[in-house]
């Protein structure tokens, strides 16, 4: 049985002791909940993969609670580009790919000589990492391939009996995983979009590239250089189709398919577009891309809970935070996107 505890000082210390002892703990960050273990301990990291049912060719992100701690994670000094990004976006939802230090287990980096590092802004995460006094490797705390968890209850649903403890820090404020950037290249390259947008990075560094894999599946034999790049990821039990085009035409096509469907169906649409869908079952994505990001994973999980077999979703404009939402939606739909 897994303990679900509020993050009191006593619970934080208990969780930290578990991590020091080579166990796995579920904990909140501002992005999604993570499954944390000592990033130096290969055996502990294998427990993460086992709990998730996750392929071990997928690298994990290492979380720190201070800039000083990065010396225990990377090899050499931080590049100037990384220092600038850290100044503006750490602590926060940004992961930087840097040369791996000897302390970090190769099990954590899937054998790569690089490591993704993040300094989360969530207070509970910072307290846990500080108390454990080790860098914590943590992927999202869900079963592999399923929607990421944004509440402790989501984690409990997937991990009860598989890990000893979950810290309940409430709902995650961002709602999608961190932005991953490779700072070893010039210009820096976004491998996975998130709460720190390409536009925000460009405002600091002057330029940025977005990897071509962000809005397409990985090619055959293409290495996953960031978590969340697999072809089908974040997927609900039912099928998800995305519709792209002029709003009125998209709504008409979604309504047609919904009405013709003989399965339990639901529509994902922005709040302002709700009148276009009449009395059909609809899950609101909110007013904008940021609210869609906060709601998306909970929405996908809710569809499983109520037995929805077909989901028809509006596409999201890929500017700003919209890029992160379309990246997650695309992978959840296995890139089944209809141009209307």
C-alpha atoms as a PDB file:
ATOM      1  CA  UNK A   1       0.000   0.000   0.000  1.00  0.00           C
ATOM      2  CA  UNK A   2       1.284   3.456  -0.916  1.00  0.00           C
ATOM      3  CA  UNK A   3       1.168   6.275   1.638  1.00  0.00           C
ATOM      4  CA  UNK A   4      -0.376   9.541   0.416  1.00  0.00           C
ATOM      5  CA  UNK A   5       0.835  12.360   2.676  1.00  0.00           C
ATOM      6  CA  UNK A   6       0.563  16.137   2.823  1.00  0.00           C
ATOM      7  CA  UNK A   7       4.044  17.738   2.610  1.00  0.00           C
ATOM      8  CA  UNK A   8       4.554  18.458   6.310  1.00  0.00           C
ATOM      9  CA  UNK A   9       8.134  18.699   7.558  1.00  0.00           C
ATOM     10  CA  UNK A  10       7.816  15.193   8.970  1.00  0.00           C
ATOM     11  CA  UNK A  11       6.554  13.796   5.636  1.00  0.00           C
ATOM     12  CA  UNK A  12       9.305  15.582   3.676  1.00  0.00           C
ATOM     13  CA  UNK A  13      11.958  14.096   5.966  1.00  0.00           C
ATOM     14  CA  UNK A  14      10.408  10.650   5.639  1.00  0.00           C
ATOM     15  CA  UNK A  15      10.367  10.948   1.835  1.00  0.00           C
ATOM     16  CA  UNK A  16      13.979  12.157   1.820  1.00  0.00           C
ATOM     17  CA  UNK A  17      15.058   9.141   3.895  1.00  0.00           C
ATOM     18  CA  UNK A  18      13.312   6.832   1.430  1.00  0.00           C
ATOM     19  CA  UNK A  19      15.202   8.413  -1.469  1.00  0.00           C
ATOM     20  CA  UNK A  20      18.514   8.150   0.388  1.00  0.00           C
ATOM     21  CA  UNK A  21      17.715   4.468   0.971  1.00  0.00           C
ATOM     22  CA  UNK A  22      17.297   3.845  -2.769  1.00  0.00           C
ATOM     23  CA  UNK A  23      13.482   3.992  -2.914  1.00  0.00           C
ATOM     24  CA  UNK A  24      11.128   5.908  -5.243  1.00  0.00           C
ATOM     25  CA  UNK A  25       8.799   8.720  -4.098  1.00  0.00           C
ATOM     26  CA  UNK A  26       6.019  10.543  -5.955  1.00  0.00           C
ATOM     27  CA  UNK A  27       6.220  14.332  -5.554  1.00  0.00           C
ATOM     28  CA  UNK A  28       4.764  17.496  -7.100  1.00  0.00           C
ATOM     29  CA  UNK A  29       6.500  20.028  -9.313  1.00  0.00           C
ATOM     30  CA  UNK A  30       5.028  23.085 -11.015  1.00  0.00           C
ATOM     31  CA  UNK A  31       4.822  21.116 -14.298  1.00  0.00           C
ATOM     32  CA  UNK A  32       3.542  17.602 -13.459  1.00  0.00           C
ATOM     33  CA  UNK A  33       4.106  15.107 -10.636  1.00  0.00           C
ATOM     34  CA  UNK A  34       7.393  13.205 -10.737  1.00  0.00           C
ATOM     35  CA  UNK A  35       8.656   9.789  -9.627  1.00  0.00           C
ATOM     36  CA  UNK A  36      11.863  10.638  -7.784  1.00  0.00           C
ATOM     37  CA  UNK A  37      14.942   8.555  -6.992  1.00  0.00           C
ATOM     38  CA  UNK A  38      18.640   9.201  -6.308  1.00  0.00           C
ATOM     39  CA  UNK A  39      20.138  10.096  -9.709  1.00  0.00           C
ATOM     40  CA  UNK A  40      23.462   8.503  -8.704  1.00  0.00           C
ATOM     41  CA  UNK A  41      21.934   5.125  -7.851  1.00  0.00           C
ATOM     42  CA  UNK A  42      21.375   2.780 -10.823  1.00  0.00           C
ATOM     43  CA  UNK A  43      19.359   0.317  -8.740  1.00  0.00           C
ATOM     44  CA  UNK A  44      16.997   3.056  -7.546  1.00  0.00           C
ATOM     45  CA  UNK A  45      16.580   4.329 -11.117  1.00  0.00           C
ATOM     46  CA  UNK A  46      15.653   0.830 -12.301  1.00  0.00           C
ATOM     47  CA  UNK A  47      12.848   0.921  -9.704  1.00  0.00           C
ATOM     48  CA  UNK A  48      11.460   4.020 -11.488  1.00  0.00           C
ATOM     49  CA  UNK A  49      11.430   2.185 -14.833  1.00  0.00           C
ATOM     50  CA  UNK A  50       9.813  -0.832 -13.181  1.00  0.00           C
ATOM     51  CA  UNK A  51       7.056   1.233 -11.535  1.00  0.00           C
ATOM     52  CA  UNK A  52       6.272   3.056 -14.789  1.00  0.00           C
ATOM     53  CA  UNK A  53       6.650   0.055 -17.093  1.00  0.00           C
ATOM     54  CA  UNK A  54       8.905   2.416 -19.040  1.00  0.00           C
ATOM     55  CA  UNK A  55      11.464   1.450 -21.711  1.00  0.00           C
ATOM     56  CA  UNK A  56      14.971   2.099 -20.416  1.00  0.00           C
ATOM     57  CA  UNK A  57      16.087   3.857 -23.625  1.00  0.00           C
ATOM     58  CA  UNK A  58      14.267   6.997 -22.471  1.00  0.00           C
ATOM     59  CA  UNK A  59      16.455   9.464 -20.493  1.00  0.00           C
ATOM     60  CA  UNK A  60      15.338  10.908 -17.146  1.00  0.00           C
ATOM     61  CA  UNK A  61      15.630  14.541 -16.017  1.00  0.00           C
ATOM     62  CA  UNK A  62      17.722  15.303 -12.928  1.00  0.00           C
ATOM     63  CA  UNK A  63      16.240  17.806 -10.461  1.00  0.00           C
ATOM     64  CA  UNK A  64      18.291  20.091  -8.219  1.00  0.00           C
ATOM     65  CA  UNK A  65      17.348  22.555  -5.470  1.00  0.00           C
ATOM     66  CA  UNK A  66      20.120  25.132  -5.921  1.00  0.00           C
ATOM     67  CA  UNK A  67      22.498  26.366  -8.613  1.00  0.00           C
ATOM     68  CA  UNK A  68      25.431  25.192  -6.498  1.00  0.00           C
ATOM     69  CA  UNK A  69      24.163  21.618  -6.738  1.00  0.00           C
ATOM     70  CA  UNK A  70      24.699  21.544 -10.499  1.00  0.00           C
ATOM     71  CA  UNK A  71      28.400  20.804  -9.988  1.00  0.00           C
ATOM     72  CA  UNK A  72      27.316  17.372  -8.711  1.00  0.00           C
ATOM     73  CA  UNK A  73      25.395  16.721 -11.932  1.00  0.00           C
ATOM     74  CA  UNK A  74      27.328  18.043 -14.934  1.00  0.00           C
ATOM     75  CA  UNK A  75      30.859  17.819 -16.268  1.00  0.00           C
ATOM     76  CA  UNK A  76      32.813  21.085 -16.359  1.00  0.00           C
ATOM     77  CA  UNK A  77      31.370  24.590 -16.216  1.00  0.00           C
ATOM     78  CA  UNK A  78      27.944  25.698 -17.423  1.00  0.00           C
ATOM     79  CA  UNK A  79      28.137  27.237 -20.925  1.00  0.00           C
ATOM     80  CA  UNK A  80      27.344  30.963 -21.133  1.00  0.00           C
ATOM     81  CA  UNK A  81      24.012  30.270 -22.872  1.00  0.00           C
ATOM     82  CA  UNK A  82      23.017  27.998 -19.991  1.00  0.00           C
ATOM     83  CA  UNK A  83      24.029  30.602 -17.407  1.00  0.00           C
ATOM     84  CA  UNK A  84      21.834  33.193 -19.097  1.00  0.00           C
ATOM     85  CA  UNK A  85      18.842  30.867 -19.289  1.00  0.00           C
ATOM     86  CA  UNK A  86      19.324  29.894 -15.632  1.00  0.00           C
ATOM     87  CA  UNK A  87      19.383  33.574 -14.661  1.00  0.00           C
ATOM     88  CA  UNK A  88      16.004  34.208 -16.290  1.00  0.00           C
ATOM     89  CA  UNK A  89      14.141  30.888 -15.990  1.00  0.00           C
ATOM     90  CA  UNK A  90      15.495  28.979 -12.958  1.00  0.00           C
ATOM     91  CA  UNK A  91      13.886  27.981 -10.751  1.00  0.00           C
ATOM     92  CA  UNK A  92      11.138  27.124 -13.231  1.00  0.00           C
ATOM     93  CA  UNK A  93       9.833  24.803 -15.954  1.00  0.00           C
ATOM     94  CA  UNK A  94      13.045  24.651 -18.021  1.00  0.00           C
ATOM     95  CA  UNK A  95      15.336  21.622 -18.471  1.00  0.00           C
ATOM     96  CA  UNK A  96      18.784  22.117 -20.005  1.00  0.00           C
ATOM     97  CA  UNK A  97      20.761  19.354 -21.720  1.00  0.00           C
ATOM     98  CA  UNK A  98      24.381  19.537 -20.517  1.00  0.00           C
ATOM     99  CA  UNK A  99      27.445  17.235 -20.443  1.00  0.00           C
ATOM    100  CA  UNK A 100      26.905  14.477 -17.850  1.00  0.00           C
ATOM    101  CA  UNK A 101      29.056  14.399 -14.737  1.00  0.00           C
ATOM    102  CA  UNK A 102      30.547  11.163 -13.402  1.00  0.00           C
ATOM    103  CA  UNK A 103      28.231  11.178 -10.359  1.00  0.00           C
ATOM    104  CA  UNK A 104      25.114  10.617 -12.455  1.00  0.00           C
ATOM    105  CA  UNK A 105      24.256   7.031 -13.320  1.00  0.00           C
ATOM    106  CA  UNK A 106      24.196   6.054 -16.999  1.00  0.00           C
ATOM    107  CA  UNK A 107      20.903   4.315 -16.161  1.00  0.00           C
ATOM    108  CA  UNK A 108      19.491   7.825 -15.643  1.00  0.00           C
ATOM    109  CA  UNK A 109      20.660   9.143 -19.044  1.00  0.00           C
ATOM    110  CA  UNK A 110      19.845   5.982 -21.063  1.00  0.00           C
ATOM    111  CA  UNK A 111      23.570   5.616 -21.750  1.00  0.00           C
ATOM    112  CA  UNK A 112      23.929   9.129 -23.207  1.00  0.00           C
ATOM    113  CA  UNK A 113      26.906  11.331 -22.253  1.00  0.00           C
ATOM    114  CA  UNK A 114      24.492  14.238 -21.678  1.00  0.00           C
ATOM    115  CA  UNK A 115      22.036  14.914 -18.868  1.00  0.00           C
ATOM    116  CA  UNK A 116      18.870  16.996 -18.621  1.00  0.00           C
ATOM    117  CA  UNK A 117      18.932  19.240 -15.541  1.00  0.00           C
ATOM    118  CA  UNK A 118      16.073  21.206 -13.984  1.00  0.00           C
ATOM    119  CA  UNK A 119      15.717  23.442 -10.930  1.00  0.00           C
ATOM    120  CA  UNK A 120      11.976  23.343 -10.190  1.00  0.00           C
ATOM    121  CA  UNK A 121      10.168  26.296  -8.633  1.00  0.00           C
ATOM    122  CA  UNK A 122       7.649  24.177  -6.705  1.00  0.00           C
ATOM    123  CA  UNK A 123       8.285  24.623  -2.979  1.00  0.00           C
ATOM    124  CA  UNK A 124       7.541  21.000  -2.064  1.00  0.00           C
ATOM    125  CA  UNK A 125       9.969  19.743  -4.739  1.00  0.00           C
ATOM    126  CA  UNK A 126      12.698  22.104  -3.506  1.00  0.00           C
ATOM    127  CA  UNK A 127      12.211  21.016   0.108  1.00  0.00           C
ATOM    128  CA  UNK A 128      12.380  17.332  -0.827  1.00  0.00           C
ATOM    129  CA  UNK A 129      15.559  17.688  -2.929  1.00  0.00           C
ATOM    130  CA  UNK A 130      17.215  19.779  -0.195  1.00  0.00           C
ATOM    131  CA  UNK A 131      16.272  17.290   2.517  1.00  0.00           C
ATOM    132  CA  UNK A 132      17.492  14.309   0.477  1.00  0.00           C
ATOM    133  CA  UNK A 133      20.732  16.227  -0.293  1.00  0.00           C
ATOM    134  CA  UNK A 134      21.102  14.331  -3.590  1.00  0.00           C
ATOM    135  CA  UNK A 135      20.151  15.195  -7.171  1.00  0.00           C
ATOM    136  CA  UNK A 136      16.812  13.515  -7.887  1.00  0.00           C
ATOM    137  CA  UNK A 137      16.071  11.788 -11.196  1.00  0.00           C
ATOM    138  CA  UNK A 138      12.367  12.022 -11.964  1.00  0.00           C
ATOM    139  CA  UNK A 139      10.183  11.315 -14.971  1.00  0.00           C
ATOM    140  CA  UNK A 140       6.445  11.995 -14.820  1.00  0.00           C
ATOM    141  CA  UNK A 141       4.707   9.790 -12.235  1.00  0.00           C
ATOM    142  CA  UNK A 142       2.385   7.922 -14.593  1.00  0.00           C
ATOM    143  CA  UNK A 143       2.322   4.510 -16.218  1.00  0.00           C
ATOM    144  CA  UNK A 144       4.412   4.705 -19.384  1.00  0.00           C
ATOM    145  CA  UNK A 145       2.512   6.113 -22.367  1.00  0.00           C
ATOM    146  CA  UNK A 146      -0.452   7.328 -20.303  1.00  0.00           C
ATOM    147  CA  UNK A 147      -1.382  10.979 -19.618  1.00  0.00           C
ATOM    148  CA  UNK A 148       0.958  12.647 -17.141  1.00  0.00           C
ATOM    149  CA  UNK A 149      -0.365  13.274 -13.611  1.00  0.00           C
ATOM    150  CA  UNK A 150      -1.192  16.797 -12.431  1.00  0.00           C
ATOM    151  CA  UNK A 151      -2.651  15.795  -9.039  1.00  0.00           C
ATOM    152  CA  UNK A 152      -1.533  13.371  -6.334  1.00  0.00           C
ATOM    153  CA  UNK A 153      -4.725  11.382  -6.940  1.00  0.00           C
ATOM    154  CA  UNK A 154      -3.613  10.763 -10.548  1.00  0.00           C
ATOM    155  CA  UNK A 155      -0.310   9.393  -9.209  1.00  0.00           C
ATOM    156  CA  UNK A 156      -2.089   7.217  -6.652  1.00  0.00           C
ATOM    157  CA  UNK A 157      -4.313   5.797  -9.409  1.00  0.00           C
ATOM    158  CA  UNK A 158      -1.260   4.650 -11.408  1.00  0.00           C
ATOM    159  CA  UNK A 159       1.257   3.905  -8.643  1.00  0.00           C
ATOM    160  CA  UNK A 160      -0.644   2.542  -5.632  1.00  0.00           C
ATOM    161  CA  UNK A 161       1.285  -0.497  -4.406  1.00  0.00           C
ATOM    162  CA  UNK A 162       4.245   0.213  -6.697  1.00  0.00           C
ATOM    163  CA  UNK A 163       6.003   2.927  -4.665  1.00  0.00           C
ATOM    164  CA  UNK A 164       6.094   3.545  -0.893  1.00  0.00           C
ATOM    165  CA  UNK A 165       4.976   7.186  -0.756  1.00  0.00           C
ATOM    166  CA  UNK A 166       3.405  10.119  -2.628  1.00  0.00           C
ATOM    167  CA  UNK A 167       3.609  13.715  -1.386  1.00  0.00           C
ATOM    168  CA  UNK A 168       0.363  15.581  -2.102  1.00  0.00           C
ATOM    169  CA  UNK A 169       1.183  19.166  -3.050  1.00  0.00           C
ATOM    170  CA  UNK A 170      -2.113  19.951  -4.793  1.00  0.00           C
ATOM    171  CA  UNK A 171      -2.628  20.627  -8.501  1.00  0.00           C
ATOM    172  CA  UNK A 172       0.310  21.523 -10.738  1.00  0.00           C
ATOM    173  CA  UNK A 173       0.281  25.132 -11.940  1.00  0.00           C
ATOM    174  CA  UNK A 174       1.771  24.668 -15.449  1.00  0.00           C
ATOM    175  CA  UNK A 175       0.218  21.311 -16.302  1.00  0.00           C
ATOM    176  CA  UNK A 176       2.640  20.053 -18.973  1.00  0.00           C
ATOM    177  CA  UNK A 177       6.221  18.866 -18.578  1.00  0.00           C
ATOM    178  CA  UNK A 178       9.162  21.252 -18.696  1.00  0.00           C
ATOM    179  CA  UNK A 179      10.650  22.772 -21.822  1.00  0.00           C
ATOM    180  CA  UNK A 180      13.781  20.814 -22.781  1.00  0.00           C
ATOM    181  CA  UNK A 181      16.569  22.740 -24.538  1.00  0.00           C
ATOM    182  CA  UNK A 182      19.940  21.524 -25.767  1.00  0.00           C
ATOM    183  CA  UNK A 183      22.294  24.339 -24.772  1.00  0.00           C
ATOM    184  CA  UNK A 184      25.336  22.647 -26.307  1.00  0.00           C
ATOM    185  CA  UNK A 185      24.301  23.809 -29.782  1.00  0.00           C
ATOM    186  CA  UNK A 186      24.261  27.354 -31.147  1.00  0.00           C
ATOM    187  CA  UNK A 187      21.559  28.508 -31.398  1.00  0.00           C
ATOM    188  CA  UNK A 188      20.063  26.466 -28.549  1.00  0.00           C
ATOM    189  CA  UNK A 189      17.546  23.881 -29.710  1.00  0.00           C
ATOM    190  CA  UNK A 190      14.140  23.181 -28.144  1.00  0.00           C
ATOM    191  CA  UNK A 191      13.680  19.409 -28.022  1.00  0.00           C
ATOM    192  CA  UNK A 192      10.407  19.489 -26.071  1.00  0.00           C
ATOM    193  CA  UNK A 193       8.217  22.584 -25.668  1.00  0.00           C
ATOM    194  CA  UNK A 194       6.744  23.548 -22.295  1.00  0.00           C
ATOM    195  CA  UNK A 195       6.093  26.494 -19.992  1.00  0.00           C
ATOM    196  CA  UNK A 196       9.183  28.400 -21.137  1.00  0.00           C
ATOM    197  CA  UNK A 197       8.315  29.132 -24.781  1.00  0.00           C
ATOM    198  CA  UNK A 198      10.703  29.503 -27.744  1.00  0.00           C
ATOM    199  CA  UNK A 199       9.698  33.160 -27.896  1.00  0.00           C
ATOM    200  CA  UNK A 200      10.785  33.659 -24.261  1.00  0.00           C
ATOM    201  CA  UNK A 201      14.128  31.941 -24.922  1.00  0.00           C
ATOM    202  CA  UNK A 202      14.735  34.022 -28.052  1.00  0.00           C
ATOM    203  CA  UNK A 203      14.083  37.192 -26.038  1.00  0.00           C
ATOM    204  CA  UNK A 204      17.025  36.240 -23.788  1.00  0.00           C
ATOM    205  CA  UNK A 205      19.470  34.673 -26.259  1.00  0.00           C
ATOM    206  CA  UNK A 206      18.501  36.425 -29.483  1.00  0.00           C
ATOM    207  CA  UNK A 207      17.713  33.217 -31.377  1.00  0.00           C
ATOM    208  CA  UNK A 208      16.469  29.676 -30.853  1.00  0.00           C
ATOM    209  CA  UNK A 209      15.720  26.635 -33.003  1.00  0.00           C
ATOM    210  CA  UNK A 210      12.802  24.244 -32.512  1.00  0.00           C
ATOM    211  CA  UNK A 211      13.640  20.615 -33.261  1.00  0.00           C
ATOM    212  CA  UNK A 212      11.707  19.141 -36.171  1.00  0.00           C
ATOM    213  CA  UNK A 213      10.558  16.234 -33.983  1.00  0.00           C
ATOM    214  CA  UNK A 214       8.392  18.519 -31.814  1.00  0.00           C
ATOM    215  CA  UNK A 215       5.369  18.284 -34.124  1.00  0.00           C
ATOM    216  CA  UNK A 216       6.035  14.923 -35.783  1.00  0.00           C
ATOM    217  CA  UNK A 217       6.793  11.349 -34.711  1.00  0.00           C
ATOM    218  CA  UNK A 218      10.404  10.199 -34.349  1.00  0.00           C
ATOM    219  CA  UNK A 219      11.777   8.627 -37.519  1.00  0.00           C
ATOM    220  CA  UNK A 220      12.837   4.983 -37.578  1.00  0.00           C
ATOM    221  CA  UNK A 221      16.027   4.498 -35.523  1.00  0.00           C
ATOM    222  CA  UNK A 222      15.981   8.189 -34.481  1.00  0.00           C
ATOM    223  CA  UNK A 223      17.293   8.511 -30.912  1.00  0.00           C
ATOM    224  CA  UNK A 224      14.997  10.093 -28.301  1.00  0.00           C
ATOM    225  CA  UNK A 225      17.182  12.956 -27.049  1.00  0.00           C
ATOM    226  CA  UNK A 226      14.503  14.141 -24.662  1.00  0.00           C
ATOM    227  CA  UNK A 227      11.733  12.486 -22.639  1.00  0.00           C
ATOM    228  CA  UNK A 228       8.294  12.655 -24.257  1.00  0.00           C
ATOM    229  CA  UNK A 229       9.490  12.245 -27.852  1.00  0.00           C
ATOM    230  CA  UNK A 230       8.079   8.772 -28.469  1.00  0.00           C
ATOM    231  CA  UNK A 231       5.527   8.360 -31.289  1.00  0.00           C
ATOM    232  CA  UNK A 232       2.526   7.696 -29.059  1.00  0.00           C
ATOM    233  CA  UNK A 233       2.684   9.244 -25.630  1.00  0.00           C
ATOM    234  CA  UNK A 234       0.229  10.695 -23.092  1.00  0.00           C
ATOM    235  CA  UNK A 235      -2.448   8.550 -24.753  1.00  0.00           C
ATOM    236  CA  UNK A 236      -5.993   7.987 -23.445  1.00  0.00           C
ATOM    237  CA  UNK A 237      -7.626   4.559 -23.766  1.00  0.00           C
ATOM    238  CA  UNK A 238      -9.912   5.780 -26.551  1.00  0.00           C
ATOM    239  CA  UNK A 239      -8.921   7.259 -29.915  1.00  0.00           C
ATOM    240  CA  UNK A 240      -8.089  10.961 -30.227  1.00  0.00           C
ATOM    241  CA  UNK A 241      -8.356  12.928 -33.478  1.00  0.00           C
ATOM    242  CA  UNK A 242      -7.272  16.559 -33.908  1.00  0.00           C
ATOM    243  CA  UNK A 243      -9.007  18.889 -36.390  1.00  0.00           C
ATOM    244  CA  UNK A 244      -7.125  21.820 -37.876  1.00  0.00           C
ATOM    245  CA  UNK A 245      -8.544  24.697 -39.925  1.00  0.00           C
ATOM    246  CA  UNK A 246     -10.973  27.596 -39.795  1.00  0.00           C
ATOM    247  CA  UNK A 247     -12.996  27.487 -36.562  1.00  0.00           C
ATOM    248  CA  UNK A 248     -16.464  27.190 -38.116  1.00  0.00           C
ATOM    249  CA  UNK A 249     -15.413  24.445 -40.521  1.00  0.00           C
ATOM    250  CA  UNK A 250     -13.618  22.546 -37.766  1.00  0.00           C
ATOM    251  CA  UNK A 251     -16.720  22.685 -35.563  1.00  0.00           C
ATOM    252  CA  UNK A 252     -18.952  21.483 -38.424  1.00  0.00           C
ATOM    253  CA  UNK A 253     -16.673  18.519 -39.158  1.00  0.00           C
ATOM    254  CA  UNK A 254     -16.352  17.586 -35.476  1.00  0.00           C
ATOM    255  CA  UNK A 255     -20.153  17.795 -35.070  1.00  0.00           C
ATOM    256  CA  UNK A 256     -20.662  15.557 -38.124  1.00  0.00           C
ATOM    257  CA  UNK A 257     -18.277  12.909 -36.845  1.00  0.00           C
ATOM    258  CA  UNK A 258     -19.647  13.103 -33.316  1.00  0.00           C
ATOM    259  CA  UNK A 259     -23.220  12.616 -34.587  1.00  0.00           C
ATOM    260  CA  UNK A 260     -22.216   9.689 -36.806  1.00  0.00           C
ATOM    261  CA  UNK A 261     -20.204   7.972 -34.077  1.00  0.00           C
ATOM    262  CA  UNK A 262     -21.759   4.925 -32.469  1.00  0.00           C
ATOM    263  CA  UNK A 263     -19.234   5.064 -29.630  1.00  0.00           C
ATOM    264  CA  UNK A 264     -19.104   7.066 -26.401  1.00  0.00           C
ATOM    265  CA  UNK A 265     -17.636  10.371 -27.670  1.00  0.00           C
ATOM    266  CA  UNK A 266     -16.498  13.778 -26.376  1.00  0.00           C
ATOM    267  CA  UNK A 267     -15.280  17.058 -27.857  1.00  0.00           C
ATOM    268  CA  UNK A 268     -12.308  19.158 -26.671  1.00  0.00           C
ATOM    269  CA  UNK A 269     -12.833  22.830 -27.541  1.00  0.00           C
ATOM    270  CA  UNK A 270     -11.996  26.303 -26.321  1.00  0.00           C
ATOM    271  CA  UNK A 271     -14.512  28.045 -24.073  1.00  0.00           C
ATOM    272  CA  UNK A 272     -15.384  30.713 -26.653  1.00  0.00           C
ATOM    273  CA  UNK A 273     -16.289  28.018 -29.211  1.00  0.00           C
ATOM    274  CA  UNK A 274     -18.698  26.065 -26.990  1.00  0.00           C
ATOM    275  CA  UNK A 275     -21.854  27.508 -28.644  1.00  0.00           C
ATOM    276  CA  UNK A 276     -20.736  25.940 -31.953  1.00  0.00           C
ATOM    277  CA  UNK A 277     -21.201  22.441 -30.509  1.00  0.00           C
ATOM    278  CA  UNK A 278     -24.736  22.691 -29.136  1.00  0.00           C
ATOM    279  CA  UNK A 279     -25.617  20.158 -26.451  1.00  0.00           C
ATOM    280  CA  UNK A 280     -22.965  17.614 -27.411  1.00  0.00           C
ATOM    281  CA  UNK A 281     -20.682  16.376 -24.632  1.00  0.00           C
ATOM    282  CA  UNK A 282     -17.773  18.817 -24.432  1.00  0.00           C
ATOM    283  CA  UNK A 283     -14.697  19.307 -22.240  1.00  0.00           C
ATOM    284  CA  UNK A 284     -13.584  22.940 -22.206  1.00  0.00           C
ATOM    285  CA  UNK A 285      -9.897  23.641 -22.842  1.00  0.00           C
ATOM    286  CA  UNK A 286     -10.385  27.040 -21.207  1.00  0.00           C
ATOM    287  CA  UNK A 287      -9.783  30.471 -22.676  1.00  0.00           C
ATOM    288  CA  UNK A 288      -6.275  30.139 -24.114  1.00  0.00           C
ATOM    289  CA  UNK A 289      -3.250  27.861 -24.620  1.00  0.00           C
ATOM    290  CA  UNK A 290      -2.026  28.311 -21.029  1.00  0.00           C
ATOM    291  CA  UNK A 291      -5.354  27.128 -19.607  1.00  0.00           C
ATOM    292  CA  UNK A 292      -5.419  24.277 -22.162  1.00  0.00           C
ATOM    293  CA  UNK A 293      -1.996  23.177 -20.881  1.00  0.00           C
ATOM    294  CA  UNK A 294      -3.246  23.158 -17.280  1.00  0.00           C
ATOM    295  CA  UNK A 295      -6.323  21.112 -18.182  1.00  0.00           C
ATOM    296  CA  UNK A 296      -5.143  18.733 -20.903  1.00  0.00           C
ATOM    297  CA  UNK A 297      -3.779  15.763 -18.952  1.00  0.00           C
ATOM    298  CA  UNK A 298      -6.623  15.855 -16.423  1.00  0.00           C
ATOM    299  CA  UNK A 299      -9.047  15.934 -19.368  1.00  0.00           C
ATOM    300  CA  UNK A 300      -7.460  12.881 -20.995  1.00  0.00           C
ATOM    301  CA  UNK A 301      -7.578  10.992 -17.694  1.00  0.00           C
ATOM    302  CA  UNK A 302     -11.193  12.023 -17.187  1.00  0.00           C
ATOM    303  CA  UNK A 303     -12.066  10.552 -20.591  1.00  0.00           C
ATOM    304  CA  UNK A 304     -10.740   7.177 -19.414  1.00  0.00           C
ATOM    305  CA  UNK A 305     -12.681   7.442 -16.145  1.00  0.00           C
ATOM    306  CA  UNK A 306     -16.013   7.950 -17.943  1.00  0.00           C
ATOM    307  CA  UNK A 307     -15.323   5.423 -20.706  1.00  0.00           C
ATOM    308  CA  UNK A 308     -15.041   7.787 -23.686  1.00  0.00           C
ATOM    309  CA  UNK A 309     -13.904   5.868 -26.783  1.00  0.00           C
ATOM    310  CA  UNK A 310     -13.607   8.719 -29.309  1.00  0.00           C
ATOM    311  CA  UNK A 311     -12.279  12.238 -28.638  1.00  0.00           C
ATOM    312  CA  UNK A 312     -12.503  15.009 -31.237  1.00  0.00           C
ATOM    313  CA  UNK A 313     -10.258  17.964 -30.417  1.00  0.00           C
ATOM    314  CA  UNK A 314      -9.785  21.403 -31.877  1.00  0.00           C
ATOM    315  CA  UNK A 315      -6.166  22.129 -32.828  1.00  0.00           C
ATOM    316  CA  UNK A 316      -4.295  24.834 -30.926  1.00  0.00           C
ATOM    317  CA  UNK A 317      -2.318  27.666 -32.528  1.00  0.00           C
ATOM    318  CA  UNK A 318       1.363  26.779 -32.101  1.00  0.00           C
ATOM    319  CA  UNK A 319       2.476  30.258 -31.013  1.00  0.00           C
ATOM    320  CA  UNK A 320       3.738  30.634 -27.440  1.00  0.00           C
ATOM    321  CA  UNK A 321       2.375  28.014 -25.052  1.00  0.00           C
ATOM    322  CA  UNK A 322       0.299  26.564 -27.889  1.00  0.00           C
ATOM    323  CA  UNK A 323       3.364  24.726 -29.212  1.00  0.00           C
ATOM    324  CA  UNK A 324       3.577  22.683 -25.992  1.00  0.00           C
ATOM    325  CA  UNK A 325      -0.143  21.884 -26.086  1.00  0.00           C
ATOM    326  CA  UNK A 326      -0.030  20.741 -29.727  1.00  0.00           C
ATOM    327  CA  UNK A 327       3.095  18.675 -29.022  1.00  0.00           C
ATOM    328  CA  UNK A 328       1.237  16.777 -26.259  1.00  0.00           C
ATOM    329  CA  UNK A 329      -2.044  16.552 -28.178  1.00  0.00           C
ATOM    330  CA  UNK A 330      -0.229  15.315 -31.287  1.00  0.00           C
ATOM    331  CA  UNK A 331       1.521  12.524 -29.430  1.00  0.00           C
ATOM    332  CA  UNK A 332      -1.625  11.582 -27.508  1.00  0.00           C
ATOM    333  CA  UNK A 333      -3.365  11.260 -30.910  1.00  0.00           C
ATOM    334  CA  UNK A 334      -0.408   9.392 -32.504  1.00  0.00           C
ATOM    335  CA  UNK A 335      -0.418  12.394 -34.887  1.00  0.00           C
ATOM    336  CA  UNK A 336      -3.896  11.638 -36.257  1.00  0.00           C
ATOM    337  CA  UNK A 337      -4.539  15.216 -37.450  1.00  0.00           C
ATOM    338  CA  UNK A 338      -7.287  16.082 -39.954  1.00  0.00           C
ATOM    339  CA  UNK A 339      -6.930  19.220 -42.099  1.00  0.00           C
ATOM    340  CA  UNK A 340     -10.446  20.618 -42.554  1.00  0.00           C
END
